[in-house]
PDB file of all heavy atoms in Angstrom:
ATOM      1  N   GLY A   1     120.752 130.732 -39.521  1.00  0.00           N
ATOM      2  CA  GLY A   1     120.318 129.990 -38.343  1.00  0.00           C
ATOM      3  C   GLY A   1     120.853 130.603 -37.060  1.00  0.00           C
ATOM      4  O   GLY A   1     121.047 129.918 -36.067  1.00  0.00           O
ATOM      5  N   PHE A   2     121.094 131.933 -37.080  1.00  0.00           N
ATOM      6  CA  PHE A   2     121.657 132.670 -35.937  1.00  0.00           C
ATOM      7  C   PHE A   2     122.994 132.075 -35.492  1.00  0.00           C
ATOM      8  O   PHE A   2     123.257 131.909 -34.307  1.00  0.00           O
ATOM      9  CB  PHE A   2     120.679 132.698 -34.763  1.00  0.00           C
ATOM     10  CG  PHE A   2     119.438 133.509 -34.998  1.00  0.00           C
ATOM     11  CD1 PHE A   2     118.186 132.915 -34.963  1.00  0.00           C
ATOM     12  CD2 PHE A   2     119.520 134.864 -35.254  1.00  0.00           C
ATOM     13  CE1 PHE A   2     117.029 133.660 -35.174  1.00  0.00           C
ATOM     14  CE2 PHE A   2     118.383 135.617 -35.477  1.00  0.00           C
ATOM     15  CZ  PHE A   2     117.132 135.016 -35.439  1.00  0.00           C
ATOM     16  N   GLN A   3     123.871 131.788 -36.447  1.00  0.00           N
ATOM     17  CA  GLN A   3     125.207 131.276 -36.139  1.00  0.00           C
ATOM     18  C   GLN A   3     126.256 132.264 -36.640  1.00  0.00           C
ATOM     19  O   GLN A   3     126.289 132.590 -37.826  1.00  0.00           O
ATOM     20  CB  GLN A   3     125.414 129.911 -36.798  1.00  0.00           C
ATOM     21  CG  GLN A   3     124.452 128.848 -36.287  1.00  0.00           C
ATOM     22  CD  GLN A   3     124.611 127.531 -37.019  1.00  0.00           C
ATOM     23  OE1 GLN A   3     125.461 126.711 -36.666  1.00  0.00           O
ATOM     24  NE2 GLN A   3     123.811 127.316 -38.035  1.00  0.00           N
ATOM     25  N   VAL A   4     127.126 132.719 -35.739  1.00  0.00           N
ATOM     26  CA  VAL A   4     128.090 133.759 -36.106  1.00  0.00           C
ATOM     27  C   VAL A   4     129.247 133.227 -36.939  1.00  0.00           C
ATOM     28  O   VAL A   4     129.905 133.993 -37.651  1.00  0.00           O
ATOM     29  CB  VAL A   4     128.664 134.464 -34.852  1.00  0.00           C
ATOM     30  CG1 VAL A   4     127.593 135.227 -34.113  1.00  0.00           C
ATOM     31  CG2 VAL A   4     129.373 133.470 -33.933  1.00  0.00           C
ATOM     32  N   ASP A   5     129.522 131.929 -36.844  1.00  0.00           N
ATOM     33  CA  ASP A   5     130.710 131.401 -37.513  1.00  0.00           C
ATOM     34  C   ASP A   5     130.387 130.525 -38.716  1.00  0.00           C
ATOM     35  O   ASP A   5     131.262 129.868 -39.266  1.00  0.00           O
ATOM     36  CB  ASP A   5     131.574 130.607 -36.530  1.00  0.00           C
ATOM     37  CG  ASP A   5     130.792 129.497 -35.828  1.00  0.00           C
ATOM     38  OD1 ASP A   5     129.565 129.400 -36.055  1.00  0.00           O
ATOM     39  OD2 ASP A   5     131.403 128.742 -35.055  1.00  0.00           O
ATOM     40  N   ILE A   6     129.148 130.533 -39.155  1.00  0.00           N
ATOM     41  CA  ILE A   6     128.772 129.687 -40.280  1.00  0.00           C
ATOM     42  C   ILE A   6     129.295 130.283 -41.588  1.00  0.00           C
ATOM     43  O   ILE A   6     129.318 131.503 -41.774  1.00  0.00           O
ATOM     44  CB  ILE A   6     127.241 129.487 -40.330  1.00  0.00           C
ATOM     45  CG1 ILE A   6     126.883 128.341 -41.270  1.00  0.00           C
ATOM     46  CG2 ILE A   6     126.525 130.774 -40.731  1.00  0.00           C
ATOM     47  CD1 ILE A   6     125.450 127.871 -41.145  1.00  0.00           C
ATOM     48  N   VAL A   7     129.748 129.410 -42.482  1.00  0.00           N
ATOM     49  CA  VAL A   7     130.290 129.829 -43.777  1.00  0.00           C
ATOM     50  C   VAL A   7     129.516 129.104 -44.876  1.00  0.00           C
ATOM     51  O   VAL A   7     129.396 127.877 -44.858  1.00  0.00           O
ATOM     52  CB  VAL A   7     131.790 129.486 -43.895  1.00  0.00           C
ATOM     53  CG1 VAL A   7     132.345 129.973 -45.236  1.00  0.00           C
ATOM     54  CG2 VAL A   7     132.582 130.089 -42.736  1.00  0.00           C
ATOM     55  N   SER A   8     128.993 129.864 -45.833  1.00  0.00           N
ATOM     56  CA  SER A   8     128.250 129.253 -46.928  1.00  0.00           C
ATOM     57  C   SER A   8     129.208 128.718 -47.983  1.00  0.00           C
ATOM     58  O   SER A   8     130.410 129.033 -47.987  1.00  0.00           O
ATOM     59  CB  SER A   8     127.304 130.276 -47.572  1.00  0.00           C
ATOM     60  OG  SER A   8     128.024 131.152 -48.424  1.00  0.00           O
ATOM     61  N   SER A   9     128.682 127.936 -48.901  1.00  0.00           N
ATOM     62  CA  SER A   9     129.507 127.382 -49.980  1.00  0.00           C
ATOM     63  C   SER A   9     130.057 128.490 -50.874  1.00  0.00           C
ATOM     64  O   SER A   9     131.086 128.309 -51.526  1.00  0.00           O
ATOM     65  CB  SER A   9     128.680 126.399 -50.813  1.00  0.00           C
ATOM     66  OG  SER A   9     127.530 127.052 -51.352  1.00  0.00           O
ATOM     67  N   ALA A  10     129.385 129.642 -50.889  1.00  0.00           N
ATOM     68  CA  ALA A  10     129.852 130.766 -51.712  1.00  0.00           C
ATOM     69  C   ALA A  10     130.871 131.638 -50.988  1.00  0.00           C
ATOM     70  O   ALA A  10     131.454 132.546 -51.582  1.00  0.00           O
ATOM     71  CB  ALA A  10     128.663 131.622 -52.140  1.00  0.00           C
ATOM     72  N   GLY A  11     131.069 131.379 -49.675  1.00  0.00           N
ATOM     73  CA  GLY A  11     132.033 132.163 -48.906  1.00  0.00           C
ATOM     74  C   GLY A  11     131.427 133.263 -48.074  1.00  0.00           C
ATOM     75  O   GLY A  11     132.150 134.070 -47.482  1.00  0.00           O
ATOM     76  N   ALA A  12     130.087 133.310 -47.990  1.00  0.00           N
ATOM     77  CA  ALA A  12     129.425 134.274 -47.110  1.00  0.00           C
ATOM     78  C   ALA A  12     129.561 133.798 -45.668  1.00  0.00           C
ATOM     79  O   ALA A  12     129.522 132.602 -45.392  1.00  0.00           O
ATOM     80  CB  ALA A  12     127.956 134.422 -47.488  1.00  0.00           C
ATOM     81  N   VAL A  13     129.714 134.751 -44.740  1.00  0.00           N
ATOM     82  CA  VAL A  13     130.046 134.403 -43.351  1.00  0.00           C
ATOM     83  C   VAL A  13     129.176 135.179 -42.368  1.00  0.00           C
ATOM     84  O   VAL A  13     128.830 136.337 -42.607  1.00  0.00           O
ATOM     85  CB  VAL A  13     131.541 134.710 -43.072  1.00  0.00           C
ATOM     86  CG1 VAL A  13     131.863 134.600 -41.593  1.00  0.00           C
ATOM     87  CG2 VAL A  13     132.444 133.769 -43.861  1.00  0.00           C
ATOM     88  N   GLY A  14     128.857 134.516 -41.267  1.00  0.00           N
ATOM     89  CA  GLY A  14     128.286 135.193 -40.113  1.00  0.00           C
ATOM     90  C   GLY A  14     126.776 135.241 -40.059  1.00  0.00           C
ATOM     91  O   GLY A  14     126.075 134.685 -40.905  1.00  0.00           O
ATOM     92  N   LEU A  15     126.275 135.912 -39.016  1.00  0.00           N
ATOM     93  CA  LEU A  15     124.831 136.045 -38.803  1.00  0.00           C
ATOM     94  C   LEU A  15     124.113 136.528 -40.046  1.00  0.00           C
ATOM     95  O   LEU A  15     123.029 136.060 -40.383  1.00  0.00           O
ATOM     96  CB  LEU A  15     124.554 137.035 -37.668  1.00  0.00           C
ATOM     97  CG  LEU A  15     124.741 136.620 -36.221  1.00  0.00           C
ATOM     98  CD1 LEU A  15     124.415 137.785 -35.306  1.00  0.00           C
ATOM     99  CD2 LEU A  15     123.849 135.431 -35.881  1.00  0.00           C
ATOM    100  N   TRP A  16     124.729 137.510 -40.715  1.00  0.00           N
ATOM    101  CA  TRP A  16     124.061 138.179 -41.834  1.00  0.00           C
ATOM    102  C   TRP A  16     124.642 137.751 -43.172  1.00  0.00           C
ATOM    103  O   TRP A  16     124.308 138.330 -44.203  1.00  0.00           O
ATOM    104  CB  TRP A  16     124.141 139.697 -41.653  1.00  0.00           C
ATOM    105  CG  TRP A  16     123.582 140.132 -40.337  1.00  0.00           C
ATOM    106  CD1 TRP A  16     124.285 140.523 -39.230  1.00  0.00           C
ATOM    107  CD2 TRP A  16     122.204 140.188 -39.966  1.00  0.00           C
ATOM    108  NE1 TRP A  16     123.433 140.827 -38.199  1.00  0.00           N
ATOM    109  CE2 TRP A  16     122.144 140.623 -38.617  1.00  0.00           C
ATOM    110  CE3 TRP A  16     121.007 139.914 -40.632  1.00  0.00           C
ATOM    111  CZ2 TRP A  16     120.946 140.800 -37.934  1.00  0.00           C
ATOM    112  CZ3 TRP A  16     119.811 140.082 -39.951  1.00  0.00           C
ATOM    113  CH2 TRP A  16     119.788 140.520 -38.622  1.00  0.00           C
ATOM    114  N   GLN A  17     125.518 136.763 -43.161  1.00  0.00           N
ATOM    115  CA  GLN A  17     126.043 136.139 -44.381  1.00  0.00           C
ATOM    116  C   GLN A  17     126.586 137.150 -45.388  1.00  0.00           C
ATOM    117  O   GLN A  17     126.181 137.187 -46.563  1.00  0.00           O
ATOM    118  CB  GLN A  17     124.974 135.254 -45.011  1.00  0.00           C
ATOM    119  CG  GLN A  17     124.712 133.975 -44.229  1.00  0.00           C
ATOM    120  CD  GLN A  17     125.878 132.992 -44.308  1.00  0.00           C
ATOM    121  OE1 GLN A  17     126.015 132.264 -45.282  1.00  0.00           O
ATOM    122  NE2 GLN A  17     126.710 132.961 -43.281  1.00  0.00           N
ATOM    123  N   PHE A  18     127.523 137.969 -44.938  1.00  0.00           N
ATOM    124  CA  PHE A  18     128.184 138.916 -45.822  1.00  0.00           C
ATOM    125  C   PHE A  18     129.274 138.226 -46.629  1.00  0.00           C
ATOM    126  O   PHE A  18     130.066 137.450 -46.090  1.00  0.00           O
ATOM    127  CB  PHE A  18     128.828 140.048 -45.017  1.00  0.00           C
ATOM    128  CG  PHE A  18     127.888 141.156 -44.643  1.00  0.00           C
ATOM    129  CD1 PHE A  18     127.415 141.268 -43.340  1.00  0.00           C
ATOM    130  CD2 PHE A  18     127.488 142.093 -45.577  1.00  0.00           C
ATOM    131  CE1 PHE A  18     126.557 142.292 -42.987  1.00  0.00           C
ATOM    132  CE2 PHE A  18     126.630 143.121 -45.233  1.00  0.00           C
ATOM    133  CZ  PHE A  18     126.162 143.226 -43.935  1.00  0.00           C
ATOM    134  N   MET A  19     129.338 138.556 -47.904  1.00  0.00           N
ATOM    135  CA  MET A  19     130.508 138.224 -48.704  1.00  0.00           C
ATOM    136  C   MET A  19     131.616 139.208 -48.333  1.00  0.00           C
ATOM    137  O   MET A  19     131.327 140.315 -47.856  1.00  0.00           O
ATOM    138  CB  MET A  19     130.188 138.313 -50.195  1.00  0.00           C
ATOM    139  CG  MET A  19     129.169 137.289 -50.671  1.00  0.00           C
ATOM    140  SD  MET A  19     129.770 135.582 -50.527  1.00  0.00           S
ATOM    141  CE  MET A  19     130.961 135.545 -51.889  1.00  0.00           C
ATOM    142  N   PRO A  20     132.902 138.839 -48.531  1.00  0.00           N
ATOM    143  CA  PRO A  20     133.987 139.745 -48.127  1.00  0.00           C
ATOM    144  C   PRO A  20     133.862 141.152 -48.708  1.00  0.00           C
ATOM    145  O   PRO A  20     134.011 142.146 -47.995  1.00  0.00           O
ATOM    146  CB  PRO A  20     135.242 139.036 -48.636  1.00  0.00           C
ATOM    147  CG  PRO A  20     134.877 137.594 -48.677  1.00  0.00           C
ATOM    148  CD  PRO A  20     133.430 137.561 -49.062  1.00  0.00           C
ATOM    149  N   SER A  21     133.572 141.245 -50.001  1.00  0.00           N
ATOM    150  CA  SER A  21     133.518 142.566 -50.649  1.00  0.00           C
ATOM    151  C   SER A  21     132.381 143.413 -50.114  1.00  0.00           C
ATOM    152  O   SER A  21     132.552 144.609 -49.847  1.00  0.00           O
ATOM    153  CB  SER A  21     133.379 142.396 -52.165  1.00  0.00           C
ATOM    154  OG  SER A  21     132.224 141.630 -52.482  1.00  0.00           O
ATOM    155  N   THR A  22     131.207 142.807 -49.911  1.00  0.00           N
ATOM    156  CA  THR A  22     130.067 143.560 -49.385  1.00  0.00           C
ATOM    157  C   THR A  22     130.320 143.976 -47.949  1.00  0.00           C
ATOM    158  O   THR A  22     129.982 145.088 -47.540  1.00  0.00           O
ATOM    159  CB  THR A  22     128.780 142.717 -49.468  1.00  0.00           C
ATOM    160  OG1 THR A  22     128.650 142.174 -50.776  1.00  0.00           O
ATOM    161  CG2 THR A  22     127.557 143.563 -49.141  1.00  0.00           C
ATOM    162  N   GLY A  23     130.918 143.083 -47.168  1.00  0.00           N
ATOM    163  CA  GLY A  23     131.251 143.425 -45.790  1.00  0.00           C
ATOM    164  C   GLY A  23     132.159 144.641 -45.718  1.00  0.00           C
ATOM    165  O   GLY A  23     131.939 145.550 -44.912  1.00  0.00           O
ATOM    166  N   ARG A  24     133.174 144.661 -46.569  1.00  0.00           N
ATOM    167  CA  ARG A  24     134.106 145.799 -46.562  1.00  0.00           C
ATOM    168  C   ARG A  24     133.405 147.092 -46.983  1.00  0.00           C
ATOM    169  O   ARG A  24     133.698 148.164 -46.443  1.00  0.00           O
ATOM    170  CB  ARG A  24     135.284 145.506 -47.483  1.00  0.00           C
ATOM    171  CG  ARG A  24     136.190 144.382 -46.986  1.00  0.00           C
ATOM    172  CD  ARG A  24     137.430 144.227 -47.851  1.00  0.00           C
ATOM    173  NE  ARG A  24     138.235 143.083 -47.433  1.00  0.00           N
ATOM    174  CZ  ARG A  24     138.292 141.932 -48.095  1.00  0.00           C
ATOM    175  NH1 ARG A  24     137.603 141.771 -49.225  1.00  0.00           N
ATOM    176  NH2 ARG A  24     139.046 140.944 -47.648  1.00  0.00           N
ATOM    177  N   ILE A  25     132.491 146.999 -47.951  1.00  0.00           N
ATOM    178  CA  ILE A  25     131.738 148.190 -48.383  1.00  0.00           C
ATOM    179  C   ILE A  25     131.019 148.826 -47.204  1.00  0.00           C
ATOM    180  O   ILE A  25     130.949 150.055 -47.083  1.00  0.00           O
ATOM    181  CB  ILE A  25     130.735 147.822 -49.496  1.00  0.00           C
ATOM    182  CG1 ILE A  25     131.473 147.519 -50.801  1.00  0.00           C
ATOM    183  CG2 ILE A  25     129.718 148.948 -49.713  1.00  0.00           C
ATOM    184  CD1 ILE A  25     130.585 146.938 -51.888  1.00  0.00           C
ATOM    185  N   PHE A  26     130.506 147.993 -46.314  1.00  0.00           N
ATOM    186  CA  PHE A  26     129.745 148.491 -45.166  1.00  0.00           C
ATOM    187  C   PHE A  26     130.580 148.549 -43.883  1.00  0.00           C
ATOM    188  O   PHE A  26     130.053 148.534 -42.773  1.00  0.00           O
ATOM    189  CB  PHE A  26     128.472 147.669 -44.977  1.00  0.00           C
ATOM    190  CG  PHE A  26     127.462 147.922 -46.063  1.00  0.00           C
ATOM    191  CD1 PHE A  26     127.395 147.094 -47.171  1.00  0.00           C
ATOM    192  CD2 PHE A  26     126.628 149.026 -46.010  1.00  0.00           C
ATOM    193  CE1 PHE A  26     126.492 147.341 -48.196  1.00  0.00           C
ATOM    194  CE2 PHE A  26     125.723 149.284 -47.021  1.00  0.00           C
ATOM    195  CZ  PHE A  26     125.655 148.443 -48.125  1.00  0.00           C
ATOM    196  N   GLY A  27     131.906 148.632 -44.054  1.00  0.00           N
ATOM    197  CA  GLY A  27     132.784 148.980 -42.942  1.00  0.00           C
ATOM    198  C   GLY A  27     133.347 147.849 -42.122  1.00  0.00           C
ATOM    199  O   GLY A  27     133.922 148.096 -41.055  1.00  0.00           O
ATOM    200  N   LEU A  28     133.216 146.616 -42.580  1.00  0.00           N
ATOM    201  CA  LEU A  28     133.733 145.485 -41.813  1.00  0.00           C
ATOM    202  C   LEU A  28     135.160 145.155 -42.224  1.00  0.00           C
ATOM    203  O   LEU A  28     135.495 145.176 -43.412  1.00  0.00           O
ATOM    204  CB  LEU A  28     132.849 144.248 -42.017  1.00  0.00           C
ATOM    205  CG  LEU A  28     131.398 144.373 -41.549  1.00  0.00           C
ATOM    206  CD1 LEU A  28     130.635 143.090 -41.852  1.00  0.00           C
ATOM    207  CD2 LEU A  28     131.322 144.700 -40.061  1.00  0.00           C
ATOM    208  N   ARG A  29     135.976 144.847 -41.244  1.00  0.00           N
ATOM    209  CA  ARG A  29     137.354 144.435 -41.513  1.00  0.00           C
ATOM    210  C   ARG A  29     137.380 142.937 -41.798  1.00  0.00           C
ATOM    211  O   ARG A  29     136.880 142.129 -41.004  1.00  0.00           O
ATOM    212  CB  ARG A  29     138.253 144.763 -40.324  1.00  0.00           C
ATOM    213  CG  ARG A  29     139.696 144.292 -40.506  1.00  0.00           C
ATOM    214  CD  ARG A  29     140.616 144.788 -39.400  1.00  0.00           C
ATOM    215  NE  ARG A  29     141.961 144.246 -39.573  1.00  0.00           N
ATOM    216  CZ  ARG A  29     143.014 144.582 -38.826  1.00  0.00           C
ATOM    217  NH1 ARG A  29     142.862 145.478 -37.861  1.00  0.00           N
ATOM    218  NH2 ARG A  29     144.202 144.047 -39.043  1.00  0.00           N
ATOM    219  N   VAL A  30     137.957 142.567 -42.922  1.00  0.00           N
ATOM    220  CA  VAL A  30     138.075 141.156 -43.302  1.00  0.00           C
ATOM    221  C   VAL A  30     139.484 140.933 -43.840  1.00  0.00           C
ATOM    222  O   VAL A  30     139.821 141.384 -44.933  1.00  0.00           O
ATOM    223  CB  VAL A  30     137.029 140.765 -44.374  1.00  0.00           C
ATOM    224  CG1 VAL A  30     137.143 139.279 -44.696  1.00  0.00           C
ATOM    225  CG2 VAL A  30     135.618 141.106 -43.926  1.00  0.00           C
ATOM    226  N   ASP A  31     140.329 140.261 -43.052  1.00  0.00           N
ATOM    227  CA  ASP A  31     141.701 139.975 -43.483  1.00  0.00           C
ATOM    228  C   ASP A  31     142.194 138.707 -42.788  1.00  0.00           C
ATOM    229  O   ASP A  31     141.387 137.945 -42.237  1.00  0.00           O
ATOM    230  CB  ASP A  31     142.633 141.170 -43.226  1.00  0.00           C
ATOM    231  CG  ASP A  31     142.662 141.613 -41.759  1.00  0.00           C
ATOM    232  OD1 ASP A  31     142.570 140.741 -40.869  1.00  0.00           O
ATOM    233  OD2 ASP A  31     142.773 142.826 -41.499  1.00  0.00           O
ATOM    234  N   ASP A  32     143.493 138.481 -42.797  1.00  0.00           N
ATOM    235  CA  ASP A  32     144.035 137.250 -42.224  1.00  0.00           C
ATOM    236  C   ASP A  32     143.960 137.198 -40.702  1.00  0.00           C
ATOM    237  O   ASP A  32     144.093 136.124 -40.109  1.00  0.00           O
ATOM    238  CB  ASP A  32     145.503 137.066 -42.648  1.00  0.00           C
ATOM    239  CG  ASP A  32     145.643 136.688 -44.113  1.00  0.00           C
ATOM    240  OD1 ASP A  32     144.642 136.203 -44.681  1.00  0.00           O
ATOM    241  OD2 ASP A  32     146.732 136.865 -44.680  1.00  0.00           O
ATOM    242  N   TRP A  33     143.792 138.336 -40.067  1.00  0.00           N
ATOM    243  CA  TRP A  33     143.763 138.402 -38.606  1.00  0.00           C
ATOM    244  C   TRP A  33     142.347 138.553 -38.054  1.00  0.00           C
ATOM    245  O   TRP A  33     142.014 137.952 -37.032  1.00  0.00           O
ATOM    246  CB  TRP A  33     144.619 139.571 -38.110  1.00  0.00           C
ATOM    247  CG  TRP A  33     146.064 139.419 -38.426  1.00  0.00           C
ATOM    248  CD1 TRP A  33     146.715 139.887 -39.541  1.00  0.00           C
ATOM    249  CD2 TRP A  33     147.051 138.724 -37.661  1.00  0.00           C
ATOM    250  NE1 TRP A  33     148.036 139.530 -39.503  1.00  0.00           N
ATOM    251  CE2 TRP A  33     148.282 138.822 -38.358  1.00  0.00           C
ATOM    252  CE3 TRP A  33     147.017 138.045 -36.446  1.00  0.00           C
ATOM    253  CZ2 TRP A  33     149.458 138.266 -37.883  1.00  0.00           C
ATOM    254  CZ3 TRP A  33     148.197 137.490 -35.963  1.00  0.00           C
ATOM    255  CH2 TRP A  33     149.393 137.596 -36.677  1.00  0.00           C
ATOM    256  N   ILE A  34     141.560 139.365 -38.727  1.00  0.00           N
ATOM    257  CA  ILE A  34     140.237 139.742 -38.233  1.00  0.00           C
ATOM    258  C   ILE A  34     139.195 139.497 -39.312  1.00  0.00           C
ATOM    259  O   ILE A  34     139.400 139.818 -40.481  1.00  0.00           O
ATOM    260  CB  ILE A  34     140.203 141.247 -37.853  1.00  0.00           C
ATOM    261  CG1 ILE A  34     141.253 141.565 -36.787  1.00  0.00           C
ATOM    262  CG2 ILE A  34     138.808 141.646 -37.380  1.00  0.00           C
ATOM    263  CD1 ILE A  34     141.008 140.931 -35.438  1.00  0.00           C
ATOM    264  N   ASP A  35     138.055 138.940 -38.898  1.00  0.00           N
ATOM    265  CA  ASP A  35     136.900 138.830 -39.795  1.00  0.00           C
ATOM    266  C   ASP A  35     135.677 139.323 -39.031  1.00  0.00           C
ATOM    267  O   ASP A  35     135.055 138.574 -38.279  1.00  0.00           O
ATOM    268  CB  ASP A  35     136.694 137.396 -40.268  1.00  0.00           C
ATOM    269  CG  ASP A  35     135.628 137.299 -41.363  1.00  0.00           C
ATOM    270  OD1 ASP A  35     134.893 138.284 -41.557  1.00  0.00           O
ATOM    271  OD2 ASP A  35     135.550 136.243 -42.027  1.00  0.00           O
ATOM    272  N   GLU A  36     135.373 140.608 -39.213  1.00  0.00           N
ATOM    273  CA  GLU A  36     134.287 141.216 -38.444  1.00  0.00           C
ATOM    274  C   GLU A  36     132.911 140.801 -38.933  1.00  0.00           C
ATOM    275  O   GLU A  36     131.911 141.161 -38.302  1.00  0.00           O
ATOM    276  CB  GLU A  36     134.443 142.733 -38.443  1.00  0.00           C
ATOM    277  CG  GLU A  36     135.660 143.171 -37.639  1.00  0.00           C
ATOM    278  CD  GLU A  36     135.897 144.671 -37.617  1.00  0.00           C
ATOM    279  OE1 GLU A  36     135.360 145.382 -38.497  1.00  0.00           O
ATOM    280  OE2 GLU A  36     136.640 145.129 -36.731  1.00  0.00           O
ATOM    281  N   ARG A  37     132.830 139.999 -39.964  1.00  0.00           N
ATOM    282  CA  ARG A  37     131.548 139.397 -40.334  1.00  0.00           C
ATOM    283  C   ARG A  37     131.089 138.438 -39.235  1.00  0.00           C
ATOM    284  O   ARG A  37     129.890 138.136 -39.127  1.00  0.00           O
ATOM    285  CB  ARG A  37     131.672 138.653 -41.658  1.00  0.00           C
ATOM    286  CG  ARG A  37     131.985 139.545 -42.856  1.00  0.00           C
ATOM    287  CD  ARG A  37     132.199 138.735 -44.113  1.00  0.00           C
ATOM    288  NE  ARG A  37     133.352 137.838 -44.008  1.00  0.00           N
ATOM    289  CZ  ARG A  37     133.635 136.886 -44.894  1.00  0.00           C
ATOM    290  NH1 ARG A  37     132.841 136.686 -45.926  1.00  0.00           N
ATOM    291  NH2 ARG A  37     134.712 136.128 -44.733  1.00  0.00           N
ATOM    292  N   ARG A  38     132.041 137.967 -38.424  1.00  0.00           N
ATOM    293  CA  ARG A  38     131.741 137.056 -37.320  1.00  0.00           C
ATOM    294  C   ARG A  38     131.426 137.804 -36.021  1.00  0.00           C
ATOM    295  O   ARG A  38     131.068 137.175 -35.017  1.00  0.00           O
ATOM    296  CB  ARG A  38     132.929 136.115 -37.083  1.00  0.00           C
ATOM    297  CG  ARG A  38     133.283 135.246 -38.274  1.00  0.00           C
ATOM    298  CD  ARG A  38     134.604 134.526 -38.055  1.00  0.00           C
ATOM    299  NE  ARG A  38     135.034 133.801 -39.233  1.00  0.00           N
ATOM    300  CZ  ARG A  38     134.812 132.499 -39.455  1.00  0.00           C
ATOM    301  NH1 ARG A  38     134.167 131.793 -38.545  1.00  0.00           N
ATOM    302  NH2 ARG A  38     135.232 131.919 -40.553  1.00  0.00           N
ATOM    303  N   ASP A  39     131.604 139.094 -36.003  1.00  0.00           N
ATOM    304  CA  ASP A  39     131.307 139.923 -34.840  1.00  0.00           C
ATOM    305  C   ASP A  39     129.829 140.300 -34.914  1.00  0.00           C
ATOM    306  O   ASP A  39     129.412 141.064 -35.783  1.00  0.00           O
ATOM    307  CB  ASP A  39     132.187 141.176 -34.861  1.00  0.00           C
ATOM    308  CG  ASP A  39     132.013 142.057 -33.642  1.00  0.00           C
ATOM    309  OD1 ASP A  39     130.855 142.328 -33.254  1.00  0.00           O
ATOM    310  OD2 ASP A  39     133.024 142.510 -33.080  1.00  0.00           O
ATOM    311  N   PHE A  40     129.020 139.749 -33.999  1.00  0.00           N
ATOM    312  CA  PHE A  40     127.571 139.929 -34.142  1.00  0.00           C
ATOM    313  C   PHE A  40     127.160 141.394 -34.072  1.00  0.00           C
ATOM    314  O   PHE A  40     126.232 141.824 -34.763  1.00  0.00           O
ATOM    315  CB  PHE A  40     126.818 139.092 -33.096  1.00  0.00           C
ATOM    316  CG  PHE A  40     126.652 139.745 -31.749  1.00  0.00           C
ATOM    317  CD1 PHE A  40     125.535 140.514 -31.461  1.00  0.00           C
ATOM    318  CD2 PHE A  40     127.614 139.590 -30.763  1.00  0.00           C
ATOM    319  CE1 PHE A  40     125.377 141.113 -30.226  1.00  0.00           C
ATOM    320  CE2 PHE A  40     127.468 140.184 -29.525  1.00  0.00           C
ATOM    321  CZ  PHE A  40     126.341 140.950 -29.256  1.00  0.00           C
ATOM    322  N   GLU A  41     127.859 142.202 -33.270  1.00  0.00           N
ATOM    323  CA  GLU A  41     127.480 143.603 -33.132  1.00  0.00           C
ATOM    324  C   GLU A  41     127.912 144.410 -34.359  1.00  0.00           C
ATOM    325  O   GLU A  41     127.102 145.131 -34.963  1.00  0.00           O
ATOM    326  CB  GLU A  41     128.104 144.187 -31.870  1.00  0.00           C
ATOM    327  CG  GLU A  41     127.638 145.602 -31.567  1.00  0.00           C
ATOM    328  CD  GLU A  41     128.187 146.108 -30.240  1.00  0.00           C
ATOM    329  OE1 GLU A  41     129.420 146.234 -30.128  1.00  0.00           O
ATOM    330  OE2 GLU A  41     127.383 146.374 -29.339  1.00  0.00           O
ATOM    331  N   LYS A  42     129.166 144.289 -34.748  1.00  0.00           N
ATOM    332  CA  LYS A  42     129.655 145.047 -35.901  1.00  0.00           C
ATOM    333  C   LYS A  42     128.966 144.619 -37.188  1.00  0.00           C
ATOM    334  O   LYS A  42     128.657 145.454 -38.043  1.00  0.00           O
ATOM    335  CB  LYS A  42     131.171 144.893 -36.017  1.00  0.00           C
ATOM    336  CG  LYS A  42     131.938 145.598 -34.911  1.00  0.00           C
ATOM    337  CD  LYS A  42     133.437 145.425 -35.061  1.00  0.00           C
ATOM    338  CE  LYS A  42     134.188 146.149 -33.949  1.00  0.00           C
ATOM    339  NZ  LYS A  42     135.657 145.950 -34.042  1.00  0.00           N
TER     340      LYS A  42
END
């Protein structure tokens, strides 16, 4: 729904609903400080 901070019941996050592992495969930082799945550009 074009929401950057939405989290699915499975743990997918962001505009493109990346799971943590898939996000990292495609270069996104996901840790306790940064979650680039929420960064619309990255």
